[in-house]
Amino acid sequence: MPPTLPSAFHRILRDFGVLLIGFCACAHADPPVKPGPPLAAEPDIVVGTMDDECNGLTKAIDTWSHCPNLDDGDRAWMRSLIDYANQMFAAGRAGKPEADAQHAIALACHRAAVSITNANTRCLAGPRPRVD
């Protein structure tokens, strides 16, 4: 069936409305913002050997486990975490990873130790908030 006059008229009206909305939306656009200065790259973290950094991680967990605001369940979990970490570090040393891999492991242990140290600082600030 060929298009009738009202149908064609409605399409023209609809297209005109879309065009009018498009013009209205673009008429009030904000001017582009100039880019700011480039951000400086994060400085490289100086880490020790893989063994030193991973031993530092286990020491940080052990220090955290002595926080007076922890409950016995948290302390037991931390003791098991230390045992598990020591097993994984021993397996990693037995695999004799290359220098790049050792650096990546040392960096990961360093970052985890910093995170654990921050958690210990939070723990020393007071007991954990109650969740009802």
Protein backbone atom coordinates (compact mmCIF):
# COMPACT_ATOMS: atom_id res chain seq x y z
CA MET A 1 0.00 0.00 0.00
CA PRO A 2 1.48 3.38 -0.93
CA PRO A 3 2.12 5.85 1.87
CA THR A 4 -0.75 8.15 2.62
CA LEU A 5 -0.54 11.84 3.25
CA PRO A 6 -0.81 11.77 7.06
CA SER A 7 1.90 9.10 7.33
CA ALA A 8 4.35 11.05 5.16
CA PHE A 9 3.45 14.25 6.98
CA HIS A 10 4.15 12.61 10.34
CA ARG A 11 7.55 11.39 9.15
CA ILE A 12 8.48 14.88 7.98
CA LEU A 13 7.29 16.36 11.27
CA ARG A 14 9.22 13.72 13.26
CA ASP A 15 12.42 14.33 11.27
CA PHE A 16 12.04 18.08 11.72
CA GLY A 17 11.58 17.58 15.50
CA VAL A 18 14.72 15.43 15.72
CA LEU A 19 16.65 18.05 13.76
CA LEU A 20 15.33 20.83 16.00
CA ILE A 21 16.29 18.91 19.18
CA GLY A 22 19.75 18.32 17.74
CA PHE A 23 20.25 22.01 17.09
CA CYS A 24 19.04 22.93 20.57
CA ALA A 25 21.34 20.41 22.20
CA CYS A 26 24.40 21.65 20.34
CA ALA A 27 23.64 25.35 20.78
CA HIS A 28 24.67 25.47 24.45
CA ALA A 29 27.76 23.30 24.44
CA ASP A 30 30.56 24.39 26.74
CA PRO A 31 33.79 25.49 25.14
CA PRO A 32 36.52 22.85 25.16
CA VAL A 33 38.77 22.83 28.21
CA LYS A 34 42.49 23.27 27.72
CA PRO A 35 44.49 20.26 28.86
CA GLY A 36 46.42 20.70 32.08
CA PRO A 37 50.09 19.96 32.61
CA PRO A 38 51.13 16.33 32.30
CA LEU A 39 51.15 14.25 35.47
CA ALA A 40 54.50 13.10 36.76
CA ALA A 41 55.16 9.39 36.68
CA GLU A 42 55.09 7.52 39.96
CA PRO A 43 58.65 7.14 41.23
CA ASP A 44 60.15 3.69 41.19
CA ILE A 45 59.96 1.86 44.49
CA VAL A 46 63.33 0.71 45.74
CA VAL A 47 63.03 -2.83 47.03
CA GLY A 48 65.51 -5.26 48.53
CA THR A 49 65.94 -8.87 47.58
CA MET A 50 63.01 -11.21 47.23
CA ASP A 51 63.93 -13.00 50.47
CA ASP A 52 64.26 -9.76 52.46
CA GLU A 53 60.98 -8.29 51.24
CA CYS A 54 59.00 -11.51 51.72
CA ASN A 55 60.46 -11.99 55.21
CA GLY A 56 59.43 -8.40 55.90
CA LEU A 57 55.90 -9.31 54.85
CA THR A 58 55.72 -12.20 57.30
CA LYS A 59 57.14 -9.95 60.04
CA ALA A 60 54.48 -7.33 59.26
CA ILE A 61 51.74 -9.95 59.54
CA ASP A 62 53.23 -11.19 62.80
CA THR A 63 53.33 -7.63 64.16
CA TRP A 64 49.71 -7.13 63.13
CA SER A 65 48.70 -10.34 64.90
CA HIS A 66 49.83 -8.82 68.24
CA CYS A 67 47.39 -5.91 67.97
CA PRO A 68 45.34 -5.81 71.20
CA ASN A 69 42.12 -4.96 69.33
CA LEU A 70 41.96 -8.22 67.35
CA ASP A 71 39.89 -11.20 68.38
CA ASP A 72 41.20 -14.77 68.65
CA GLY A 73 39.78 -15.76 65.26
CA ASP A 74 41.78 -13.01 63.55
CA ARG A 75 44.96 -14.08 65.32
CA ALA A 76 44.45 -17.72 64.31
CA TRP A 77 43.86 -16.65 60.71
CA MET A 78 47.07 -14.60 60.74
CA ARG A 79 49.10 -17.53 62.13
CA SER A 80 47.78 -19.75 59.34
CA LEU A 81 48.50 -16.98 56.82
CA ILE A 82 52.11 -16.77 58.01
CA ASP A 83 52.50 -20.55 57.70
CA TYR A 84 51.01 -20.52 54.21
CA ALA A 85 53.17 -17.58 53.13
CA ASN A 86 56.33 -19.29 54.39
CA GLN A 87 55.42 -22.42 52.42
CA MET A 88 54.81 -20.40 49.26
CA PHE A 89 58.02 -18.41 49.66
CA ALA A 90 59.99 -21.63 50.13
CA ALA A 91 58.42 -23.05 46.98
CA GLY A 92 59.27 -19.81 45.14
CA ARG A 93 62.89 -19.98 46.23
CA ALA A 94 63.12 -23.63 45.20
CA GLY A 95 61.92 -22.68 41.71
CA LYS A 96 64.88 -20.28 41.32
CA PRO A 97 63.06 -17.55 39.39
CA GLU A 98 64.93 -15.21 37.07
CA ALA A 99 66.04 -11.77 38.22
CA ASP A 100 63.02 -9.96 36.71
CA ALA A 101 60.63 -12.39 38.37
CA GLN A 102 62.45 -12.04 41.69
CA HIS A 103 62.13 -8.26 41.43
CA ALA A 104 58.39 -8.56 40.69
CA ILE A 105 57.92 -10.88 43.68
CA ALA A 106 59.94 -8.55 45.92
CA LEU A 107 57.83 -5.60 44.77
CA ALA A 108 54.60 -7.50 45.48
CA CYS A 109 55.84 -8.50 48.95
CA HIS A 110 56.87 -4.90 49.65
CA ARG A 111 53.47 -3.51 48.64
CA ALA A 112 51.67 -6.17 50.69
CA ALA A 113 53.86 -5.37 53.71
CA VAL A 114 52.98 -1.66 53.40
CA SER A 115 49.30 -2.59 53.24
CA ILE A 116 49.61 -4.83 56.31
CA THR A 117 51.46 -2.07 58.18
CA ASN A 118 48.59 0.31 57.40
CA ALA A 119 46.08 -2.28 58.61
CA ASN A 120 48.07 -2.60 61.84
CA THR A 121 47.98 1.18 62.28
CA ARG A 122 44.21 1.08 61.82
CA CYS A 123 43.93 -1.77 64.33
CA LEU A 124 45.97 0.09 66.93
CA ALA A 125 43.63 3.10 66.60
CA GLY A 126 40.78 1.21 68.27
CA PRO A 127 38.45 -1.74 68.01
CA ARG A 128 36.69 -2.56 64.80
CA PRO A 129 33.26 -0.92 64.39
CA ARG A 130 30.36 -3.18 65.28
CA VAL A 131 28.15 -4.38 62.45
CA ASP A 132 24.60 -5.04 63.60
